[in-house]
C-alpha atoms as a PDB file:
ATOM      1  CA  MET A   1       0.095   0.007   0.140  1.00  0.00           C
ATOM      2  CA  SER A   2       1.488   3.461  -1.131  1.00  0.00           C
ATOM      3  CA  GLY A   3       1.517   6.388   1.059  1.00  0.00           C
ATOM      4  CA  PHE A   4       0.827   9.941  -0.013  1.00  0.00           C
ATOM      5  CA  VAL A   5       3.204  12.882  -0.372  1.00  0.00           C
ATOM      6  CA  SER A   6       2.425  16.675   0.136  1.00  0.00           C
ATOM      7  CA  PHE A   7       4.705  19.079  -1.207  1.00  0.00           C
ATOM      8  CA  VAL A   8       4.147  21.692   1.439  1.00  0.00           C
ATOM      9  CA  SER A   9       5.721  25.569   0.783  1.00  0.00           C
ATOM     10  CA  ALA A  10       6.996  26.658   4.368  1.00  0.00           C
ATOM     11  CA  GLY A  11       7.520  30.355   2.911  1.00  0.00           C
ATOM     12  CA  PRO A  12      10.101  32.499   3.870  1.00  0.00           C
ATOM     13  CA  GLY A  13      10.876  31.252   7.444  1.00  0.00           C
ATOM     14  CA  ASP A  14       8.223  33.082   9.488  1.00  0.00           C
ATOM     15  CA  PRO A  15       5.958  30.600  10.748  1.00  0.00           C
ATOM     16  CA  GLN A  16       3.076  33.241  10.607  1.00  0.00           C
ATOM     17  CA  LEU A  17       3.329  33.019   6.928  1.00  0.00           C
ATOM     18  CA  LEU A  18       2.733  29.449   6.739  1.00  0.00           C
ATOM     19  CA  THR A  19      -0.833  28.669   5.113  1.00  0.00           C
ATOM     20  CA  LEU A  20      -3.501  26.996   7.082  1.00  0.00           C
ATOM     21  CA  LYS A  21      -3.196  23.990   4.674  1.00  0.00           C
ATOM     22  CA  ALA A  22       0.575  23.716   5.225  1.00  0.00           C
ATOM     23  CA  ALA A  23       0.262  23.835   8.858  1.00  0.00           C
ATOM     24  CA  ALA A  24      -2.630  20.975   8.531  1.00  0.00           C
ATOM     25  CA  ARG A  25      -0.343  18.755   6.525  1.00  0.00           C
ATOM     26  CA  LEU A  26       2.651  19.353   8.726  1.00  0.00           C
ATOM     27  CA  GLY A  27       0.239  18.472  11.698  1.00  0.00           C
ATOM     28  CA  ALA A  28      -0.811  15.044  10.274  1.00  0.00           C
ATOM     29  CA  ALA A  29       2.606  13.764   8.742  1.00  0.00           C
ATOM     30  CA  ASP A  30       4.197  10.731   9.839  1.00  0.00           C
ATOM     31  CA  VAL A  31       7.554  11.878   8.035  1.00  0.00           C
ATOM     32  CA  VAL A  32       8.876  15.366   7.337  1.00  0.00           C
ATOM     33  CA  LEU A  33      11.720  15.743   4.697  1.00  0.00           C
ATOM     34  CA  TYR A  34      12.910  19.432   5.169  1.00  0.00           C
ATOM     35  CA  ASP A  35      15.142  21.915   3.587  1.00  0.00           C
ATOM     36  CA  ASP A  36      17.798  23.813   5.623  1.00  0.00           C
ATOM     37  CA  LEU A  37      15.677  27.000   5.213  1.00  0.00           C
ATOM     38  CA  ALA A  38      12.302  25.358   6.201  1.00  0.00           C
ATOM     39  CA  ALA A  39      13.719  24.310   9.475  1.00  0.00           C
ATOM     40  CA  GLY A  40      13.423  25.925  13.000  1.00  0.00           C
ATOM     41  CA  ALA A  41      10.276  26.829  14.353  1.00  0.00           C
ATOM     42  CA  ILE A  42       8.343  25.839  11.110  1.00  0.00           C
ATOM     43  CA  LEU A  43       8.909  22.152  12.221  1.00  0.00           C
ATOM     44  CA  ASP A  44       7.303  23.044  15.682  1.00  0.00           C
ATOM     45  CA  HIS A  45       4.010  22.370  13.619  1.00  0.00           C
ATOM     46  CA  ALA A  46       5.115  18.848  12.940  1.00  0.00           C
ATOM     47  CA  ARG A  47       3.178  16.280  14.534  1.00  0.00           C
ATOM     48  CA  LYS A  48       4.651  14.845  17.868  1.00  0.00           C
ATOM     49  CA  GLY A  49       6.303  11.896  17.035  1.00  0.00           C
ATOM     50  CA  ALA A  50       6.849  12.263  13.472  1.00  0.00           C
ATOM     51  CA  THR A  51      10.186  11.343  11.617  1.00  0.00           C
ATOM     52  CA  LEU A  52      12.090  14.521  10.793  1.00  0.00           C
ATOM     53  CA  VAL A  53      14.756  14.127   8.005  1.00  0.00           C
ATOM     54  CA  SER A  54      16.836  16.834   6.994  1.00  0.00           C
ATOM     55  CA  VAL A  55      17.738  16.840   3.235  1.00  0.00           C
ATOM     56  CA  GLY A  56      18.578  20.325   2.537  1.00  0.00           C
ATOM     57  CA  LYS A  57      21.053  21.752  -0.030  1.00  0.00           C
ATOM     58  CA  ARG A  58      23.090  24.825   0.424  1.00  0.00           C
ATOM     59  CA  ALA A  59      25.570  26.229  -1.894  1.00  0.00           C
ATOM     60  CA  GLY A  60      29.182  25.461  -0.852  1.00  0.00           C
ATOM     61  CA  ARG A  61      28.209  23.149   1.853  1.00  0.00           C
ATOM     62  CA  PRO A  62      27.676  19.290   2.298  1.00  0.00           C
ATOM     63  CA  SER A  63      24.408  18.677   0.670  1.00  0.00           C
ATOM     64  CA  ALA A  64      22.142  15.726   0.067  1.00  0.00           C
ATOM     65  CA  LYS A  65      22.122  14.518  -3.283  1.00  0.00           C
ATOM     66  CA  GLN A  66      18.937  15.144  -5.368  1.00  0.00           C
ATOM     67  CA  GLU A  67      18.716  11.217  -6.263  1.00  0.00           C
ATOM     68  CA  HIS A  68      19.018  10.500  -2.460  1.00  0.00           C
ATOM     69  CA  VAL A  69      16.086  13.081  -1.643  1.00  0.00           C
ATOM     70  CA  SER A  70      13.676  11.524  -4.425  1.00  0.00           C
ATOM     71  CA  ARG A  71      14.741   8.018  -3.419  1.00  0.00           C
ATOM     72  CA  LEU A  72      13.942   8.852   0.287  1.00  0.00           C
ATOM     73  CA  LEU A  73      10.258  10.057  -0.962  1.00  0.00           C
ATOM     74  CA  VAL A  74       9.639   7.059  -2.695  1.00  0.00           C
ATOM     75  CA  ASP A  75      10.734   4.643  -0.086  1.00  0.00           C
ATOM     76  CA  TYR A  76       8.925   6.408   3.068  1.00  0.00           C
ATOM     77  CA  ALA A  77       5.894   6.681   0.826  1.00  0.00           C
ATOM     78  CA  ALA A  78       5.850   2.809  -0.187  1.00  0.00           C
ATOM     79  CA  THR A  79       5.646   2.092   3.459  1.00  0.00           C
ATOM     80  CA  GLY A  80       1.981   3.363   3.454  1.00  0.00           C
ATOM     81  CA  ALA A  81       3.460   6.778   5.234  1.00  0.00           C
ATOM     82  CA  ASN A  82       1.980  10.117   5.117  1.00  0.00           C
ATOM     83  CA  VAL A  83       5.121  12.066   3.858  1.00  0.00           C
ATOM     84  CA  VAL A  84       5.550  15.881   3.732  1.00  0.00           C
ATOM     85  CA  ARG A  85       8.156  17.281   1.812  1.00  0.00           C
ATOM     86  CA  LEU A  86       8.993  20.686   3.439  1.00  0.00           C
ATOM     87  CA  LYS A  87      10.343  23.442   0.718  1.00  0.00           C
ATOM     88  CA  SER A  88      11.584  26.648   1.334  1.00  0.00           C
ATOM     89  CA  GLY A  89       9.410  29.574   0.151  1.00  0.00           C
ATOM     90  CA  ASP A  90       7.153  28.309  -2.557  1.00  0.00           C
ATOM     91  CA  ALA A  91       7.675  24.646  -3.364  1.00  0.00           C
ATOM     92  CA  GLY A  92       7.516  25.458  -7.239  1.00  0.00           C
ATOM     93  CA  MET A  93       9.912  28.512  -7.376  1.00  0.00           C
ATOM     94  CA  PHE A  94      13.765  27.187  -8.226  1.00  0.00           C
ATOM     95  CA  GLY A  95      13.186  24.335  -5.744  1.00  0.00           C
ATOM     96  CA  ARG A  96      13.856  21.020  -7.789  1.00  0.00           C
ATOM     97  CA  LEU A  97      10.336  20.017  -7.404  1.00  0.00           C
ATOM     98  CA  GLU A  98       9.979  18.512 -11.105  1.00  0.00           C
ATOM     99  CA  GLU A  99      12.665  15.874 -10.452  1.00  0.00           C
ATOM    100  CA  GLU A 100      10.810  14.905  -7.183  1.00  0.00           C
ATOM    101  CA  VAL A 101       7.394  14.888  -8.767  1.00  0.00           C
ATOM    102  CA  GLU A 102       8.864  12.369 -11.732  1.00  0.00           C
ATOM    103  CA  ALA A 103      10.105  10.302  -9.204  1.00  0.00           C
ATOM    104  CA  LEU A 104       6.702   9.701  -7.401  1.00  0.00           C
ATOM    105  CA  ARG A 105       4.964   9.602 -10.885  1.00  0.00           C
ATOM    106  CA  SER A 106       7.424   6.695 -11.763  1.00  0.00           C
ATOM    107  CA  ALA A 107       6.618   5.011  -8.591  1.00  0.00           C
ATOM    108  CA  GLY A 108       2.877   5.256  -8.912  1.00  0.00           C
ATOM    109  CA  ILE A 109       2.627   7.351  -5.559  1.00  0.00           C
ATOM    110  CA  ALA A 110      -0.051   9.861  -5.273  1.00  0.00           C
ATOM    111  CA  TYR A 111       1.113  13.616  -4.188  1.00  0.00           C
ATOM    112  CA  GLU A 112      -0.290  17.060  -3.899  1.00  0.00           C
ATOM    113  CA  ILE A 113       1.470  20.730  -4.138  1.00  0.00           C
ATOM    114  CA  VAL A 114       0.711  23.017  -1.352  1.00  0.00           C
ATOM    115  CA  PRO A 115       1.806  26.520  -2.704  1.00  0.00           C
ATOM    116  CA  GLY A 116       3.242  29.257  -0.288  1.00  0.00           C
ATOM    117  CA  VAL A 117       4.871  32.729  -0.040  1.00  0.00           C
ATOM    118  CA  THR A 118       7.839  33.137  -2.346  1.00  0.00           C
ATOM    119  CA  ALA A 119      10.821  35.154  -1.221  1.00  0.00           C
ATOM    120  CA  ALA A 120      10.374  37.767  -3.743  1.00  0.00           C
ATOM    121  CA  CYS A 121       6.743  38.622  -2.421  1.00  0.00           C
ATOM    122  CA  ALA A 122       7.835  38.339   1.069  1.00  0.00           C
ATOM    123  CA  ALA A 123      10.709  41.018   0.359  1.00  0.00           C
ATOM    124  CA  GLY A 124       8.491  43.353  -1.166  1.00  0.00           C
ATOM    125  CA  ALA A 125       6.091  43.430   1.875  1.00  0.00           C
ATOM    126  CA  ALA A 126       8.966  43.316   4.443  1.00  0.00           C
ATOM    127  CA  LYS A 127       9.934  46.468   2.819  1.00  0.00           C
ATOM    128  CA  GLY A 128       6.716  47.836   2.425  1.00  0.00           C
ATOM    129  CA  ILE A 129       6.289  48.209  -1.342  1.00  0.00           C
ATOM    130  CA  PRO A 130       4.341  46.332  -3.980  1.00  0.00           C
ATOM    131  CA  LEU A 131       6.343  44.499  -6.679  1.00  0.00           C
ATOM    132  CA  THR A 132       4.102  45.946  -9.583  1.00  0.00           C
ATOM    133  CA  ARG A 133       3.585  49.509 -10.244  1.00  0.00           C
ATOM    134  CA  ARG A 134       0.663  51.128 -12.517  1.00  0.00           C
ATOM    135  CA  HIS A 135       2.198  52.564 -15.787  1.00  0.00           C
ATOM    136  CA  THR A 136       5.954  52.155 -14.791  1.00  0.00           C
ATOM    137  CA  ALA A 137       6.290  48.475 -13.485  1.00  0.00           C
ATOM    138  CA  ARG A 138       4.313  46.310 -16.283  1.00  0.00           C
ATOM    139  CA  ARG A 139       5.829  42.973 -15.738  1.00  0.00           C
ATOM    140  CA  VAL A 140       7.135  40.936 -12.857  1.00  0.00           C
ATOM    141  CA  GLN A 141       9.999  38.360 -13.801  1.00  0.00           C
ATOM    142  CA  PHE A 142      11.594  35.687 -11.695  1.00  0.00           C
ATOM    143  CA  ILE A 143      15.014  34.524 -12.612  1.00  0.00           C
ATOM    144  CA  THR A 144      17.697  32.341 -11.017  1.00  0.00           C
ATOM    145  CA  GLY A 145      21.159  33.992 -10.857  1.00  0.00           C
ATOM    146  CA  SER A 146      23.016  30.601 -10.911  1.00  0.00           C
ATOM    147  CA  ASP A 147      23.276  27.890 -13.366  1.00  0.00           C
ATOM    148  CA  VAL A 148      24.048  24.103 -12.123  1.00  0.00           C
ATOM    149  CA  SER A 149      27.776  25.029 -11.871  1.00  0.00           C
ATOM    150  CA  GLY A 150      26.948  28.187  -9.629  1.00  0.00           C
ATOM    151  CA  GLU A 151      27.804  30.445 -12.633  1.00  0.00           C
ATOM    152  CA  LEU A 152      25.592  33.221 -13.861  1.00  0.00           C
ATOM    153  CA  PRO A 153      23.501  31.329 -16.601  1.00  0.00           C
ATOM    154  CA  GLU A 154      24.278  32.579 -20.513  1.00  0.00           C
ATOM    155  CA  ASP A 155      20.939  32.007 -21.911  1.00  0.00           C
ATOM    156  CA  LEU A 156      19.019  34.500 -20.067  1.00  0.00           C
ATOM    157  CA  HIS A 157      16.732  36.893 -22.192  1.00  0.00           C
ATOM    158  CA  TRP A 158      19.166  40.084 -21.547  1.00  0.00           C
ATOM    159  CA  ALA A 159      16.693  42.610 -23.435  1.00  0.00           C
ATOM    160  CA  ALA A 160      13.963  41.685 -21.114  1.00  0.00           C
ATOM    161  CA  LEU A 161      16.093  41.754 -17.831  1.00  0.00           C
ATOM    162  CA  ALA A 162      17.252  45.204 -18.750  1.00  0.00           C
ATOM    163  CA  ASP A 163      13.749  46.614 -19.405  1.00  0.00           C
ATOM    164  CA  PRO A 164      13.403  49.672 -16.924  1.00  0.00           C
ATOM    165  CA  HIS A 165       9.767  49.052 -16.871  1.00  0.00           C
ATOM    166  CA  ALA A 166       9.923  45.746 -15.097  1.00  0.00           C
ATOM    167  CA  VAL A 167      10.655  44.374 -11.754  1.00  0.00           C
ATOM    168  CA  THR A 168      13.105  41.474 -11.717  1.00  0.00           C
ATOM    169  CA  ALA A 169      13.620  39.192  -8.805  1.00  0.00           C
ATOM    170  CA  VAL A 170      17.046  37.323  -8.792  1.00  0.00           C
ATOM    171  CA  TYR A 171      17.196  34.136  -6.862  1.00  0.00           C
ATOM    172  CA  MET A 172      20.380  32.382  -5.886  1.00  0.00           C
ATOM    173  CA  GLY A 173      22.192  35.471  -7.296  1.00  0.00           C
ATOM    174  CA  LYS A 174      24.378  37.388  -4.684  1.00  0.00           C
ATOM    175  CA  ARG A 175      27.541  35.726  -5.670  1.00  0.00           C
ATOM    176  CA  THR A 176      26.938  36.124  -9.428  1.00  0.00           C
ATOM    177  CA  PHE A 177      25.045  39.514  -9.427  1.00  0.00           C
ATOM    178  CA  PRO A 178      28.330  41.927 -10.021  1.00  0.00           C
ATOM    179  CA  ALA A 179      28.292  39.880 -13.281  1.00  0.00           C
ATOM    180  CA  LEU A 180      24.842  40.332 -13.933  1.00  0.00           C
ATOM    181  CA  ALA A 181      24.780  43.942 -13.224  1.00  0.00           C
ATOM    182  CA  ALA A 182      27.707  44.563 -15.703  1.00  0.00           C
ATOM    183  CA  ARG A 183      25.565  42.963 -18.353  1.00  0.00           C
ATOM    184  CA  LEU A 184      22.479  44.989 -17.713  1.00  0.00           C
ATOM    185  CA  ILE A 185      24.462  48.336 -18.064  1.00  0.00           C
ATOM    186  CA  ALA A 186      25.983  46.893 -21.044  1.00  0.00           C
ATOM    187  CA  GLN A 187      22.405  46.265 -22.358  1.00  0.00           C
ATOM    188  CA  GLY A 188      21.393  49.998 -21.752  1.00  0.00           C
ATOM    189  CA  LEU A 189      19.983  49.666 -18.148  1.00  0.00           C
ATOM    190  CA  SER A 190      21.018  52.910 -16.149  1.00  0.00           C
ATOM    191  CA  PRO A 191      23.476  52.063 -13.241  1.00  0.00           C
ATOM    192  CA  ASP A 192      20.944  53.818 -10.797  1.00  0.00           C
ATOM    193  CA  THR A 193      18.379  51.750 -11.327  1.00  0.00           C
ATOM    194  CA  PRO A 194      16.942  51.030  -7.756  1.00  0.00           C
ATOM    195  CA  ALA A 195      17.878  47.502  -6.224  1.00  0.00           C
ATOM    196  CA  LEU A 196      16.867  45.780  -3.070  1.00  0.00           C
ATOM    197  CA  LEU A 197      18.881  43.096  -1.210  1.00  0.00           C
ATOM    198  CA  ALA A 198      16.903  41.113   0.996  1.00  0.00           C
ATOM    199  CA  GLU A 199      18.703  38.644   3.149  1.00  0.00           C
ATOM    200  CA  SER A 200      17.186  36.039   5.553  1.00  0.00           C
ATOM    201  CA  ILE A 201      13.611  37.120   4.913  1.00  0.00           C
ATOM    202  CA  GLY A 202      11.302  36.239   7.903  1.00  0.00           C
ATOM    203  CA  GLN A 203      14.390  35.389  10.131  1.00  0.00           C
ATOM    204  CA  ALA A 204      15.826  37.254  13.374  1.00  0.00           C
ATOM    205  CA  ASP A 205      18.727  38.487  11.250  1.00  0.00           C
ATOM    206  CA  GLN A 206      16.773  39.858   8.252  1.00  0.00           C
ATOM    207  CA  ARG A 207      18.379  42.783   6.525  1.00  0.00           C
ATOM    208  CA  LEU A 208      16.692  44.925   3.690  1.00  0.00           C
ATOM    209  CA  MET A 209      18.930  47.252   1.749  1.00  0.00           C
ATOM    210  CA  ARG A 210      17.898  49.759  -0.871  1.00  0.00           C
ATOM    211  CA  THR A 211      20.835  50.938  -3.188  1.00  0.00           C
ATOM    212  CA  THR A 212      21.089  50.624  -7.126  1.00  0.00           C
ATOM    213  CA  ILE A 213      22.399  47.837  -9.241  1.00  0.00           C
ATOM    214  CA  LYS A 214      25.921  49.783  -9.476  1.00  0.00           C
ATOM    215  CA  GLN A 215      26.429  50.086  -5.827  1.00  0.00           C
ATOM    216  CA  LEU A 216      24.914  46.882  -4.940  1.00  0.00           C
ATOM    217  CA  ALA A 217      27.164  45.044  -7.472  1.00  0.00           C
ATOM    218  CA  GLU A 218      30.317  46.721  -5.877  1.00  0.00           C
ATOM    219  CA  GLN A 219      29.450  45.862  -2.485  1.00  0.00           C
ATOM    220  CA  LEU A 220      28.857  42.298  -3.300  1.00  0.00           C
ATOM    221  CA  ALA A 221      32.001  42.001  -5.107  1.00  0.00           C
ATOM    222  CA  GLN A 222      33.569  42.660  -1.849  1.00  0.00           C
ATOM    223  CA  GLU A 223      31.392  40.825   0.489  1.00  0.00           C
ATOM    224  CA  ASN A 224      31.625  37.147   1.672  1.00  0.00           C
ATOM    225  CA  VAL A 225      28.283  35.667   0.408  1.00  0.00           C
ATOM    226  CA  THR A 226      26.904  33.716   3.250  1.00  0.00           C
ATOM    227  CA  ALA A 227      23.298  34.672   4.279  1.00  0.00           C
ATOM    228  CA  THR A 228      20.493  33.751   1.894  1.00  0.00           C
ATOM    229  CA  ALA A 229      18.986  36.317  -0.144  1.00  0.00           C
ATOM    230  CA  VAL A 230      16.818  37.578  -2.996  1.00  0.00           C
ATOM    231  CA  ILE A 231      17.365  40.750  -5.113  1.00  0.00           C
ATOM    232  CA  LEU A 232      14.973  42.992  -6.710  1.00  0.00           C
ATOM    233  CA  TYR A 233      15.814  45.545  -9.201  1.00  0.00           C
ATOM    234  CA  GLY A 234      13.808  47.935 -11.730  1.00  0.00           C
ATOM    235  CA  ALA A 235      10.947  50.057 -11.415  1.00  0.00           C
ATOM    236  CA  LEU A 236      10.620  49.741  -7.464  1.00  0.00           C
ATOM    237  CA  ALA A 237       8.301  51.868  -5.739  1.00  0.00           C
ATOM    238  CA  ALA A 238       9.481  54.231  -2.936  1.00  0.00           C
ATOM    239  CA  ASP A 239       9.619  52.776   0.384  1.00  0.00           C
ATOM    240  CA  GLY A 240       6.547  52.083   2.650  1.00  0.00           C
ATOM    241  CA  MET A 241       4.423  53.787   0.090  1.00  0.00           C
END
């Protein structure tokens, strides 16, 4: 008898940003496979006695291989367990969800996806600004700043990313942002384009820094990149509208 897997979105880290459905699934789980960024107080919502397994992946640190994570999901569900795969942010946003879903499909195991608050939306809310602006920010685009090797992807749509009437959210891009900013400026985007660095959103060490793409690139080129972050740039609204 196969169990069931719920891909639960933990949001940016603040337990109060969990959806009711996410909290309910955690409270009913037999097993929780969780990311590093979805640990801490979020796990307080897990059922007492549930098996908690850390399967987080962090750049530059020892991490669980994706094949191992997918195998654990299948193996636990095959015992008939009610399994939660707890992912940081929104499960469908740059979270390797597709590989895990495919593993379950191949094994004939049922699943569901519980959406949540992604880092870009949480960053805008924390700063008191919307991600869109009437007339001046007609598009929001989410990109990853790192390819599988950890470098800046070369196949990005550079004209779209340099559109001054868009707001762009860059995930996993602190280390590569200096190179990204140089390409954007070469494409014609003003060096004075507003940028927001949002680190550790929803955590006790949260940091929000409003600057420009040029200044942020210069700072990150000199900084030891450690804390997780999302970077917003483009037609950003004034703080705390």
